[in-house]
Amino acid sequence: MHYEGSCHCGNIAFEVEGDFNEAIDCNCSLCRRRGSLLAFVPRDKLTLTTPEANVSTYTFNHHLIQHHFCAKCGIAPYGEGAAPNGAAMAAINLRCVPAVDLAALKVTHFNGKDK
């Protein structure tokens, strides 16, 4: 399915293709504080509809994931990294995709704290 998403102020907006029935709730030091519900798609399924220059990036720990956020409103709509097989992936914060019914998601808890 085709979805649109954004940060709160709209400075970062995107379109994404995917079937979002499940989400991951990670307890790493960042996700725990941010409250994201994440779903992963191949990176080519995510298209920014605003300039890439609007995106700020934060990395930490092993610096394997680029956590993208809006410097204006502070919301983190997506991140980028690589799957275990090396394929480019995007982690979509489903809380930033208004058409996704969050209450209907099967949420899996991931222990990122100990990774």
PDB file of N, CA and C in Angstrom:
ATOM      1  N   MET A   1       0.823  -1.177   0.000  1.00  0.00           N
ATOM      2  CA  MET A   1       0.000   0.000   0.000  1.00  0.00           C
ATOM      3  C   MET A   1       0.873   1.249   0.000  1.00  0.00           C
ATOM      4  N   HIS A   2       0.317   2.310  -0.464  1.00  0.00           N
ATOM      5  CA  HIS A   2       1.001   3.594  -0.549  1.00  0.00           C
ATOM      6  C   HIS A   2       0.558   4.481   0.616  1.00  0.00           C
ATOM      7  N   TYR A   3       1.518   5.049   1.327  1.00  0.00           N
ATOM      8  CA  TYR A   3       1.232   5.919   2.462  1.00  0.00           C
ATOM      9  C   TYR A   3       2.031   7.204   2.348  1.00  0.00           C
ATOM     10  N   GLU A   4       1.526   8.225   3.029  1.00  0.00           N
ATOM     11  CA  GLU A   4       2.243   9.480   3.176  1.00  0.00           C
ATOM     12  C   GLU A   4       2.498   9.695   4.654  1.00  0.00           C
ATOM     13  N   GLY A   5       3.643  10.300   4.960  1.00  0.00           N
ATOM     14  CA  GLY A   5       3.983  10.574   6.346  1.00  0.00           C
ATOM     15  C   GLY A   5       4.809  11.836   6.440  1.00  0.00           C
ATOM     16  N   SER A   6       4.993  12.294   7.660  1.00  0.00           N
ATOM     17  CA  SER A   6       5.789  13.509   7.861  1.00  0.00           C
ATOM     18  C   SER A   6       6.131  13.674   9.324  1.00  0.00           C
ATOM     19  N   CYS A   7       7.015  14.639   9.565  1.00  0.00           N
ATOM     20  CA  CYS A   7       7.246  15.099  10.923  1.00  0.00           C
ATOM     21  C   CYS A   7       6.045  15.953  11.315  1.00  0.00           C
ATOM     22  N   HIS A   8       6.037  16.533  12.478  1.00  0.00           N
ATOM     23  CA  HIS A   8       4.887  17.297  12.948  1.00  0.00           C
ATOM     24  C   HIS A   8       4.655  18.566  12.142  1.00  0.00           C
ATOM     25  N   CYS A   9       5.728  19.293  11.822  1.00  0.00           N
ATOM     26  CA  CYS A   9       5.565  20.575  11.127  1.00  0.00           C
ATOM     27  C   CYS A   9       5.529  20.452   9.607  1.00  0.00           C
ATOM     28  N   GLY A  10       5.819  19.250   9.070  1.00  0.00           N
ATOM     29  CA  GLY A  10       5.799  19.037   7.627  1.00  0.00           C
ATOM     30  C   GLY A  10       7.105  19.378   6.929  1.00  0.00           C
ATOM     31  N   ASN A  11       8.118  19.774   7.680  1.00  0.00           N
ATOM     32  CA  ASN A  11       9.418  20.094   7.102  1.00  0.00           C
ATOM     33  C   ASN A  11      10.062  18.868   6.450  1.00  0.00           C
ATOM     34  N   ILE A  12       9.760  17.687   6.990  1.00  0.00           N
ATOM     35  CA  ILE A  12      10.185  16.417   6.396  1.00  0.00           C
ATOM     36  C   ILE A  12       8.919  15.646   6.059  1.00  0.00           C
ATOM     37  N   ALA A  13       8.721  15.359   4.792  1.00  0.00           N
ATOM     38  CA  ALA A  13       7.565  14.583   4.347  1.00  0.00           C
ATOM     39  C   ALA A  13       8.046  13.489   3.400  1.00  0.00           C
ATOM     40  N   PHE A  14       7.297  12.397   3.356  1.00  0.00           N
ATOM     41  CA  PHE A  14       7.705  11.253   2.544  1.00  0.00           C
ATOM     42  C   PHE A  14       6.505  10.461   2.081  1.00  0.00           C
ATOM     43  N   GLU A  15       6.766   9.618   1.106  1.00  0.00           N
ATOM     44  CA  GLU A  15       5.832   8.592   0.660  1.00  0.00           C
ATOM     45  C   GLU A  15       6.531   7.262   0.858  1.00  0.00           C
ATOM     46  N   VAL A  16       5.763   6.248   1.218  1.00  0.00           N
ATOM     47  CA  VAL A  16       6.347   4.937   1.468  1.00  0.00           C
ATOM     48  C   VAL A  16       5.383   3.858   1.007  1.00  0.00           C
ATOM     49  N   GLU A  17       5.945   2.789   0.468  1.00  0.00           N
ATOM     50  CA  GLU A  17       5.183   1.616   0.044  1.00  0.00           C
ATOM     51  C   GLU A  17       5.432   0.501   1.044  1.00  0.00           C
ATOM     52  N   GLY A  18       4.355  -0.095   1.534  1.00  0.00           N
ATOM     53  CA  GLY A  18       4.515  -1.207   2.454  1.00  0.00           C
ATOM     54  C   GLY A  18       3.182  -1.671   2.997  1.00  0.00           C
ATOM     55  N   ASP A  19       3.197  -2.853   3.587  1.00  0.00           N
ATOM     56  CA  ASP A  19       2.034  -3.394   4.285  1.00  0.00           C
ATOM     57  C   ASP A  19       2.355  -3.317   5.765  1.00  0.00           C
ATOM     58  N   PHE A  20       1.741  -2.378   6.448  1.00  0.00           N
ATOM     59  CA  PHE A  20       2.089  -2.106   7.835  1.00  0.00           C
ATOM     60  C   PHE A  20       1.039  -2.689   8.777  1.00  0.00           C
ATOM     61  N   ASN A  21       1.263  -3.953   9.141  1.00  0.00           N
ATOM     62  CA  ASN A  21       0.409  -4.659  10.082  1.00  0.00           C
ATOM     63  C   ASN A  21       1.128  -4.922  11.399  1.00  0.00           C
ATOM     64  N   GLU A  22       2.459  -4.780  11.356  1.00  0.00           N
ATOM     65  CA  GLU A  22       3.286  -5.057  12.523  1.00  0.00           C
ATOM     66  C   GLU A  22       4.247  -3.909  12.750  1.00  0.00           C
ATOM     67  N   ALA A  23       4.675  -3.754  13.994  1.00  0.00           N
ATOM     68  CA  ALA A  23       5.649  -2.725  14.347  1.00  0.00           C
ATOM     69  C   ALA A  23       6.569  -3.259  15.425  1.00  0.00           C
ATOM     70  N   ILE A  24       7.722  -2.646  15.502  1.00  0.00           N
ATOM     71  CA  ILE A  24       8.698  -2.985  16.533  1.00  0.00           C
ATOM     72  C   ILE A  24       8.781  -1.837  17.520  1.00  0.00           C
ATOM     73  N   ASP A  25       8.731  -2.178  18.799  1.00  0.00           N
ATOM     74  CA  ASP A  25       8.915  -1.233  19.891  1.00  0.00           C
ATOM     75  C   ASP A  25      10.255  -1.564  20.522  1.00  0.00           C
ATOM     76  N   CYS A  26      11.265  -0.768  20.198  1.00  0.00           N
ATOM     77  CA  CYS A  26      12.634  -1.012  20.653  1.00  0.00           C
ATOM     78  C   CYS A  26      12.881  -0.282  21.973  1.00  0.00           C
ATOM     79  N   ASN A  27      13.649  -0.900  22.857  1.00  0.00           N
ATOM     80  CA  ASN A  27      13.944  -0.282  24.140  1.00  0.00           C
ATOM     81  C   ASN A  27      15.379   0.247  24.234  1.00  0.00           C
ATOM     82  N   CYS A  28      16.028   0.485  23.087  1.00  0.00           N
ATOM     83  CA  CYS A  28      17.367   1.072  23.150  1.00  0.00           C
ATOM     84  C   CYS A  28      17.260   2.470  23.762  1.00  0.00           C
ATOM     85  N   SER A  29      18.369   3.047  24.120  1.00  0.00           N
ATOM     86  CA  SER A  29      18.352   4.330  24.823  1.00  0.00           C
ATOM     87  C   SER A  29      17.678   5.441  24.026  1.00  0.00           C
ATOM     88  N   LEU A  30      17.722   5.392  22.705  1.00  0.00           N
ATOM     89  CA  LEU A  30      17.083   6.416  21.883  1.00  0.00           C
ATOM     90  C   LEU A  30      15.595   6.116  21.666  1.00  0.00           C
ATOM     91  N   CYS A  31      15.286   4.939  21.162  1.00  0.00           N
ATOM     92  CA  CYS A  31      13.888   4.594  20.849  1.00  0.00           C
ATOM     93  C   CYS A  31      13.007   4.651  22.093  1.00  0.00           C
ATOM     94  N   ARG A  32      13.543   4.244  23.213  1.00  0.00           N
ATOM     95  CA  ARG A  32      12.778   4.270  24.459  1.00  0.00           C
ATOM     96  C   ARG A  32      12.323   5.686  24.781  1.00  0.00           C
ATOM     97  N   ARG A  33      13.214   6.639  24.613  1.00  0.00           N
ATOM     98  CA  ARG A  33      12.885   8.029  24.900  1.00  0.00           C
ATOM     99  C   ARG A  33      11.983   8.634  23.819  1.00  0.00           C
ATOM    100  N   ARG A  34      12.188   8.206  22.588  1.00  0.00           N
ATOM    101  CA  ARG A  34      11.463   8.780  21.454  1.00  0.00           C
ATOM    102  C   ARG A  34      10.060   8.205  21.307  1.00  0.00           C
ATOM    103  N   GLY A  35       9.860   6.947  21.683  1.00  0.00           N
ATOM    104  CA  GLY A  35       8.534   6.336  21.609  1.00  0.00           C
ATOM    105  C   GLY A  35       8.114   5.889  20.226  1.00  0.00           C
ATOM    106  N   SER A  36       9.067   5.605  19.365  1.00  0.00           N
ATOM    107  CA  SER A  36       8.751   5.191  17.997  1.00  0.00           C
ATOM    108  C   SER A  36       8.137   3.800  17.953  1.00  0.00           C
ATOM    109  N   LEU A  37       7.286   3.593  16.953  1.00  0.00           N
ATOM    110  CA  LEU A  37       6.837   2.266  16.551  1.00  0.00           C
ATOM    111  C   LEU A  37       7.373   2.085  15.141  1.00  0.00           C
ATOM    112  N   LEU A  38       8.303   1.176  14.972  1.00  0.00           N
ATOM    113  CA  LEU A  38       9.060   1.072  13.725  1.00  0.00           C
ATOM    114  C   LEU A  38       8.610  -0.080  12.840  1.00  0.00           C
ATOM    115  N   ALA A  39       8.623   0.184  11.541  1.00  0.00           N
ATOM    116  CA  ALA A  39       8.418  -0.842  10.524  1.00  0.00           C
ATOM    117  C   ALA A  39       9.518  -0.654   9.490  1.00  0.00           C
ATOM    118  N   PHE A  40      10.028  -1.740   8.979  1.00  0.00           N
ATOM    119  CA  PHE A  40      11.172  -1.690   8.068  1.00  0.00           C
ATOM    120  C   PHE A  40      10.737  -1.997   6.641  1.00  0.00           C
ATOM    121  N   VAL A  41      11.294  -1.229   5.712  1.00  0.00           N
ATOM    122  CA  VAL A  41      11.044  -1.424   4.280  1.00  0.00           C
ATOM    123  C   VAL A  41      12.374  -1.275   3.549  1.00  0.00           C
ATOM    124  N   PRO A  42      12.496  -1.873   2.363  1.00  0.00           N
ATOM    125  CA  PRO A  42      13.676  -1.589   1.546  1.00  0.00           C
ATOM    126  C   PRO A  42      13.770  -0.075   1.303  1.00  0.00           C
ATOM    127  N   ARG A  43      14.964   0.458   1.328  1.00  0.00           N
ATOM    128  CA  ARG A  43      15.151   1.905   1.222  1.00  0.00           C
ATOM    129  C   ARG A  43      14.514   2.488  -0.035  1.00  0.00           C
ATOM    130  N   ASP A  44      14.472   1.727  -1.124  1.00  0.00           N
ATOM    131  CA  ASP A  44      13.897   2.264  -2.360  1.00  0.00           C
ATOM    132  C   ASP A  44      12.374   2.374  -2.309  1.00  0.00           C
ATOM    133  N   LYS A  45      11.756   1.915  -1.221  1.00  0.00           N
ATOM    134  CA  LYS A  45      10.308   2.059  -1.039  1.00  0.00           C
ATOM    135  C   LYS A  45       9.948   3.363  -0.324  1.00  0.00           C
ATOM    136  N   LEU A  46      10.959   4.113   0.102  1.00  0.00           N
ATOM    137  CA  LEU A  46      10.766   5.398   0.773  1.00  0.00           C
ATOM    138  C   LEU A  46      11.244   6.513  -0.145  1.00  0.00           C
ATOM    139  N   THR A  47      10.371   7.506  -0.374  1.00  0.00           N
ATOM    140  CA  THR A  47      10.719   8.657  -1.203  1.00  0.00           C
ATOM    141  C   THR A  47      10.444   9.927  -0.420  1.00  0.00           C
ATOM    142  N   LEU A  48      11.467  10.738  -0.242  1.00  0.00           N
ATOM    143  CA  LEU A  48      11.254  12.043   0.384  1.00  0.00           C
ATOM    144  C   LEU A  48      10.517  12.943  -0.593  1.00  0.00           C
ATOM    145  N   THR A  49       9.552  13.691  -0.100  1.00  0.00           N
ATOM    146  CA  THR A  49       8.823  14.647  -0.939  1.00  0.00           C
ATOM    147  C   THR A  49       9.179  16.079  -0.559  1.00  0.00           C
ATOM    148  N   THR A  50      10.098  16.226   0.357  1.00  0.00           N
ATOM    149  CA  THR A  50      10.659  17.516   0.747  1.00  0.00           C
ATOM    150  C   THR A  50      12.169  17.435   0.530  1.00  0.00           C
ATOM    151  N   PRO A  51      12.861  18.565   0.491  1.00  0.00           N
ATOM    152  CA  PRO A  51      14.306  18.528   0.235  1.00  0.00           C
ATOM    153  C   PRO A  51      15.076  17.732   1.284  1.00  0.00           C
ATOM    154  N   GLU A  52      16.044  16.966   0.825  1.00  0.00           N
ATOM    155  CA  GLU A  52      16.881  16.190   1.737  1.00  0.00           C
ATOM    156  C   GLU A  52      17.628  17.107   2.705  1.00  0.00           C
ATOM    157  N   ALA A  53      17.848  18.342   2.316  1.00  0.00           N
ATOM    158  CA  ALA A  53      18.520  19.315   3.182  1.00  0.00           C
ATOM    159  C   ALA A  53      17.715  19.606   4.449  1.00  0.00           C
ATOM    160  N   ASN A  54      16.431  19.270   4.469  1.00  0.00           N
ATOM    161  CA  ASN A  54      15.588  19.489   5.645  1.00  0.00           C
ATOM    162  C   ASN A  54      15.821  18.447   6.731  1.00  0.00           C
ATOM    163  N   VAL A  55      16.538  17.398   6.403  1.00  0.00           N
ATOM    164  CA  VAL A  55      16.721  16.268   7.306  1.00  0.00           C
ATOM    165  C   VAL A  55      17.984  16.452   8.141  1.00  0.00           C
ATOM    166  N   SER A  56      17.827  16.337   9.455  1.00  0.00           N
ATOM    167  CA  SER A  56      18.971  16.295  10.363  1.00  0.00           C
ATOM    168  C   SER A  56      19.193  14.837  10.758  1.00  0.00           C
ATOM    169  N   THR A  57      20.416  14.503  11.116  1.00  0.00           N
ATOM    170  CA  THR A  57      20.753  13.109  11.385  1.00  0.00           C
ATOM    171  C   THR A  57      21.540  12.974  12.679  1.00  0.00           C
ATOM    172  N   TYR A  58      21.226  11.913  13.407  1.00  0.00           N
ATOM    173  CA  TYR A  58      21.924  11.590  14.645  1.00  0.00           C
ATOM    174  C   TYR A  58      22.340  10.126  14.577  1.00  0.00           C
ATOM    175  N   THR A  59      23.561   9.837  14.966  1.00  0.00           N
ATOM    176  CA  THR A  59      24.011   8.451  15.094  1.00  0.00           C
ATOM    177  C   THR A  59      24.615   8.282  16.485  1.00  0.00           C
ATOM    178  N   PHE A  60      24.621   7.064  16.970  1.00  0.00           N
ATOM    179  CA  PHE A  60      25.226   6.791  18.278  1.00  0.00           C
ATOM    180  C   PHE A  60      25.654   5.333  18.336  1.00  0.00           C
ATOM    181  N   ASN A  61      26.288   4.962  19.421  1.00  0.00           N
ATOM    182  CA  ASN A  61      26.736   3.595  19.681  1.00  0.00           C
ATOM    183  C   ASN A  61      27.622   3.103  18.536  1.00  0.00           C
ATOM    184  N   HIS A  62      27.177   2.156  17.743  1.00  0.00           N
ATOM    185  CA  HIS A  62      27.994   1.603  16.654  1.00  0.00           C
ATOM    186  C   HIS A  62      27.899   2.423  15.369  1.00  0.00           C
ATOM    187  N   HIS A  63      27.071   3.455  15.356  1.00  0.00           N
ATOM    188  CA  HIS A  63      26.899   4.353  14.196  1.00  0.00           C
ATOM    189  C   HIS A  63      26.454   3.597  12.941  1.00  0.00           C
ATOM    190  N   LEU A  64      25.619   2.576  13.121  1.00  0.00           N
ATOM    191  CA  LEU A  64      25.137   1.779  11.997  1.00  0.00           C
ATOM    192  C   LEU A  64      23.821   2.305  11.434  1.00  0.00           C
ATOM    193  N   ILE A  65      23.079   3.048  12.240  1.00  0.00           N
ATOM    194  CA  ILE A  65      21.780   3.565  11.820  1.00  0.00           C
ATOM    195  C   ILE A  65      21.840   5.082  11.813  1.00  0.00           C
ATOM    196  N   GLN A  66      21.346   5.678  10.733  1.00  0.00           N
ATOM    197  CA  GLN A  66      21.226   7.129  10.654  1.00  0.00           C
ATOM    198  C   GLN A  66      19.801   7.461  11.092  1.00  0.00           C
ATOM    199  N   HIS A  67      19.682   8.002  12.283  1.00  0.00           N
ATOM    200  CA  HIS A  67      18.384   8.377  12.843  1.00  0.00           C
ATOM    201  C   HIS A  67      18.069   9.785  12.356  1.00  0.00           C
ATOM    202  N   HIS A  68      17.076   9.915  11.491  1.00  0.00           N
ATOM    203  CA  HIS A  68      16.751  11.207  10.890  1.00  0.00           C
ATOM    204  C   HIS A  68      15.632  11.888  11.672  1.00  0.00           C
ATOM    205  N   PHE A  69      15.762  13.205  11.817  1.00  0.00           N
ATOM    206  CA  PHE A  69      14.771  13.980  12.559  1.00  0.00           C
ATOM    207  C   PHE A  69      14.681  15.383  11.987  1.00  0.00           C
ATOM    208  N   CYS A  70      13.633  16.084  12.382  1.00  0.00           N
ATOM    209  CA  CYS A  70      13.418  17.459  11.947  1.00  0.00           C
ATOM    210  C   CYS A  70      13.999  18.407  12.986  1.00  0.00           C
ATOM    211  N   ALA A  71      14.878  19.291  12.550  1.00  0.00           N
ATOM    212  CA  ALA A  71      15.493  20.257  13.465  1.00  0.00           C
ATOM    213  C   ALA A  71      14.503  21.336  13.899  1.00  0.00           C
ATOM    214  N   LYS A  72      13.377  21.457  13.196  1.00  0.00           N
ATOM    215  CA  LYS A  72      12.377  22.468  13.573  1.00  0.00           C
ATOM    216  C   LYS A  72      11.436  21.960  14.666  1.00  0.00           C
ATOM    217  N   CYS A  73      10.828  20.793  14.467  1.00  0.00           N
ATOM    218  CA  CYS A  73       9.837  20.300  15.436  1.00  0.00           C
ATOM    219  C   CYS A  73      10.359  19.161  16.303  1.00  0.00           C
ATOM    220  N   GLY A  74      11.499  18.567  15.938  1.00  0.00           N
ATOM    221  CA  GLY A  74      12.109  17.522  16.752  1.00  0.00           C
ATOM    222  C   GLY A  74      11.626  16.110  16.495  1.00  0.00           C
ATOM    223  N   ILE A  75      10.654  15.935  15.625  1.00  0.00           N
ATOM    224  CA  ILE A  75      10.094  14.608  15.374  1.00  0.00           C
ATOM    225  C   ILE A  75      11.024  13.794  14.465  1.00  0.00           C
ATOM    226  N   ALA A  76      11.112  12.497  14.751  1.00  0.00           N
ATOM    227  CA  ALA A  76      11.972  11.578  13.994  1.00  0.00           C
ATOM    228  C   ALA A  76      11.112  10.639  13.164  1.00  0.00           C
ATOM    229  N   PRO A  77      10.848  10.964  11.893  1.00  0.00           N
ATOM    230  CA  PRO A  77       9.940  10.149  11.098  1.00  0.00           C
ATOM    231  C   PRO A  77      10.531   8.872  10.503  1.00  0.00           C
ATOM    232  N   TYR A  78      11.850   8.828  10.350  1.00  0.00           N
ATOM    233  CA  TYR A  78      12.434   7.619   9.762  1.00  0.00           C
ATOM    234  C   TYR A  78      13.932   7.564  10.051  1.00  0.00           C
ATOM    235  N   GLY A  79      14.505   6.404   9.787  1.00  0.00           N
ATOM    236  CA  GLY A  79      15.940   6.197   9.893  1.00  0.00           C
ATOM    237  C   GLY A  79      16.395   5.343   8.736  1.00  0.00           C
ATOM    238  N   GLU A  80      17.696   5.239   8.578  1.00  0.00           N
ATOM    239  CA  GLU A  80      18.259   4.424   7.505  1.00  0.00           C
ATOM    240  C   GLU A  80      19.399   3.571   8.041  1.00  0.00           C
ATOM    241  N   GLY A  81      19.525   2.397   7.467  1.00  0.00           N
ATOM    242  CA  GLY A  81      20.593   1.490   7.837  1.00  0.00           C
ATOM    243  C   GLY A  81      20.638   0.348   6.844  1.00  0.00           C
ATOM    244  N   ALA A  82      21.251  -0.732   7.266  1.00  0.00           N
ATOM    245  CA  ALA A  82      21.371  -1.906   6.406  1.00  0.00           C
ATOM    246  C   ALA A  82      20.824  -3.125   7.126  1.00  0.00           C
ATOM    247  N   ALA A  83      20.156  -3.983   6.365  1.00  0.00           N
ATOM    248  CA  ALA A  83      19.679  -5.263   6.880  1.00  0.00           C
ATOM    249  C   ALA A  83      20.896  -6.169   7.111  1.00  0.00           C
ATOM    250  N   PRO A  84      20.724  -7.256   7.841  1.00  0.00           N
ATOM    251  CA  PRO A  84      21.850  -8.176   8.054  1.00  0.00           C
ATOM    252  C   PRO A  84      22.517  -8.649   6.758  1.00  0.00           C
ATOM    253  N   ASN A  85      21.758  -8.708   5.658  1.00  0.00           N
ATOM    254  CA  ASN A  85      22.331  -9.137   4.381  1.00  0.00           C
ATOM    255  C   ASN A  85      22.990  -7.981   3.615  1.00  0.00           C
ATOM    256  N   GLY A  86      22.992  -6.788   4.209  1.00  0.00           N
ATOM    257  CA  GLY A  86      23.630  -5.640   3.581  1.00  0.00           C
ATOM    258  C   GLY A  86      22.705  -4.759   2.759  1.00  0.00           C
ATOM    259  N   ALA A  87      21.471  -5.177   2.555  1.00  0.00           N
ATOM    260  CA  ALA A  87      20.522  -4.398   1.752  1.00  0.00           C
ATOM    261  C   ALA A  87      20.142  -3.106   2.483  1.00  0.00           C
ATOM    262  N   ALA A  88      20.058  -2.014   1.742  1.00  0.00           N
ATOM    263  CA  ALA A  88      19.678  -0.726   2.319  1.00  0.00           C
ATOM    264  C   ALA A  88      18.224  -0.779   2.791  1.00  0.00           C
ATOM    265  N   MET A  89      18.000  -0.331   4.025  1.00  0.00           N
ATOM    266  CA  MET A  89      16.676  -0.378   4.628  1.00  0.00           C
ATOM    267  C   MET A  89      16.311   0.988   5.196  1.00  0.00           C
ATOM    268  N   ALA A  90      15.011   1.210   5.317  1.00  0.00           N
ATOM    269  CA  ALA A  90      14.495   2.393   6.008  1.00  0.00           C
ATOM    270  C   ALA A  90      13.617   1.907   7.153  1.00  0.00           C
ATOM    271  N   ALA A  91      13.771   2.547   8.302  1.00  0.00           N
ATOM    272  CA  ALA A  91      12.938   2.262   9.466  1.00  0.00           C
ATOM    273  C   ALA A  91      11.931   3.395   9.572  1.00  0.00           C
ATOM    274  N   ILE A  92      10.676   3.096   9.323  1.00  0.00           N
ATOM    275  CA  ILE A  92       9.620   4.095   9.310  1.00  0.00           C
ATOM    276  C   ILE A  92       8.995   4.178  10.699  1.00  0.00           C
ATOM    277  N   ASN A  93       8.920   5.375  11.240  1.00  0.00           N
ATOM    278  CA  ASN A  93       8.209   5.577  12.497  1.00  0.00           C
ATOM    279  C   ASN A  93       6.726   5.660  12.156  1.00  0.00           C
ATOM    280  N   LEU A  94       6.000   4.582  12.407  1.00  0.00           N
ATOM    281  CA  LEU A  94       4.596   4.521  12.010  1.00  0.00           C
ATOM    282  C   LEU A  94       3.735   5.547  12.733  1.00  0.00           C
ATOM    283  N   ARG A  95       4.217   6.113  13.812  1.00  0.00           N
ATOM    284  CA  ARG A  95       3.491   7.196  14.477  1.00  0.00           C
ATOM    285  C   ARG A  95       3.459   8.451  13.604  1.00  0.00           C
ATOM    286  N   CYS A  96       4.298   8.497  12.575  1.00  0.00           N
ATOM    287  CA  CYS A  96       4.358   9.637  11.654  1.00  0.00           C
ATOM    288  C   CYS A  96       3.587   9.385  10.369  1.00  0.00           C
ATOM    289  N   VAL A  97       2.838   8.303  10.315  1.00  0.00           N
ATOM    290  CA  VAL A  97       2.043   7.949   9.140  1.00  0.00           C
ATOM    291  C   VAL A  97       0.576   7.937   9.571  1.00  0.00           C
ATOM    292  N   PRO A  98      -0.138   9.049   9.384  1.00  0.00           N
ATOM    293  CA  PRO A  98      -1.497   9.179   9.921  1.00  0.00           C
ATOM    294  C   PRO A  98      -2.483   8.103   9.486  1.00  0.00           C
ATOM    295  N   ALA A  99      -2.333   7.530   8.306  1.00  0.00           N
ATOM    296  CA  ALA A  99      -3.296   6.546   7.816  1.00  0.00           C
ATOM    297  C   ALA A  99      -3.130   5.165   8.454  1.00  0.00           C
ATOM    298  N   VAL A 100      -2.044   4.946   9.172  1.00  0.00           N
ATOM    299  CA  VAL A 100      -1.836   3.652   9.826  1.00  0.00           C
ATOM    300  C   VAL A 100      -2.608   3.638  11.142  1.00  0.00           C
ATOM    301  N   ASP A 101      -3.424   2.594  11.326  1.00  0.00           N
ATOM    302  CA  ASP A 101      -4.180   2.412  12.561  1.00  0.00           C
ATOM    303  C   ASP A 101      -3.248   1.789  13.601  1.00  0.00           C
ATOM    304  N   LEU A 102      -2.709   2.612  14.474  1.00  0.00           N
ATOM    305  CA  LEU A 102      -1.738   2.131  15.457  1.00  0.00           C
ATOM    306  C   LEU A 102      -2.322   1.075  16.386  1.00  0.00           C
ATOM    307  N   ALA A 103      -3.588   1.197  16.723  1.00  0.00           N
ATOM    308  CA  ALA A 103      -4.230   0.239  17.630  1.00  0.00           C
ATOM    309  C   ALA A 103      -4.360  -1.150  17.009  1.00  0.00           C
ATOM    310  N   ALA A 104      -4.331  -1.230  15.686  1.00  0.00           N
ATOM    311  CA  ALA A 104      -4.474  -2.522  15.001  1.00  0.00           C
ATOM    312  C   ALA A 104      -3.144  -3.225  14.783  1.00  0.00           C
ATOM    313  N   LEU A 105      -2.039  -2.568  15.067  1.00  0.00           N
ATOM    314  CA  LEU A 105      -0.726  -3.154  14.826  1.00  0.00           C
ATOM    315  C   LEU A 105      -0.403  -4.258  15.821  1.00  0.00           C
ATOM    316  N   LYS A 106       0.237  -5.303  15.331  1.00  0.00           N
ATOM    317  CA  LYS A 106       0.836  -6.304  16.210  1.00  0.00           C
ATOM    318  C   LYS A 106       2.208  -5.745  16.579  1.00  0.00           C
ATOM    319  N   VAL A 107       2.402  -5.437  17.847  1.00  0.00           N
ATOM    320  CA  VAL A 107       3.647  -4.813  18.291  1.00  0.00           C
ATOM    321  C   VAL A 107       4.552  -5.865  18.920  1.00  0.00           C
ATOM    322  N   THR A 108       5.778  -5.927  18.412  1.00  0.00           N
ATOM    323  CA  THR A 108       6.795  -6.830  18.932  1.00  0.00           C
ATOM    324  C   THR A 108       7.834  -5.999  19.671  1.00  0.00           C
ATOM    325  N   HIS A 109       8.146  -6.393  20.881  1.00  0.00           N
ATOM    326  CA  HIS A 109       9.143  -5.679  21.679  1.00  0.00           C
ATOM    327  C   HIS A 109      10.534  -6.212  21.329  1.00  0.00           C
ATOM    328  N   PHE A 110      11.455  -5.299  21.054  1.00  0.00           N
ATOM    329  CA  PHE A 110      12.820  -5.662  20.683  1.00  0.00           C
ATOM    330  C   PHE A 110      13.775  -5.134  21.732  1.00  0.00           C
ATOM    331  N   ASN A 111      14.651  -6.001  22.220  1.00  0.00           N
ATOM    332  CA  ASN A 111      15.606  -5.627  23.252  1.00  0.00           C
ATOM    333  C   ASN A 111      16.855  -5.009  22.624  1.00  0.00           C
ATOM    334  N   GLY A 112      16.745  -3.737  22.228  1.00  0.00           N
ATOM    335  CA  GLY A 112      17.893  -3.028  21.678  1.00  0.00           C
ATOM    336  C   GLY A 112      18.831  -2.505  22.748  1.00  0.00           C
ATOM    337  N   LYS A 113      18.356  -2.484  23.978  1.00  0.00           N
ATOM    338  CA  LYS A 113      19.168  -1.991  25.089  1.00  0.00           C
ATOM    339  C   LYS A 113      20.435  -2.819  25.278  1.00  0.00           C
ATOM    340  N   ASP A 114      20.330  -4.103  25.049  1.00  0.00           N
ATOM    341  CA  ASP A 114      21.463  -4.999  25.291  1.00  0.00           C
ATOM    342  C   ASP A 114      22.237  -5.340  24.034  1.00  0.00           C
ATOM    343  N   LYS A 115      22.031  -4.600  22.954  1.00  0.00           N
ATOM    344  CA  LYS A 115      22.737  -4.874  21.690  1.00  0.00           C
ATOM    345  C   LYS A 115      24.015  -4.070  21.612  1.00  0.00           C
TER     346      LYS A 115
END
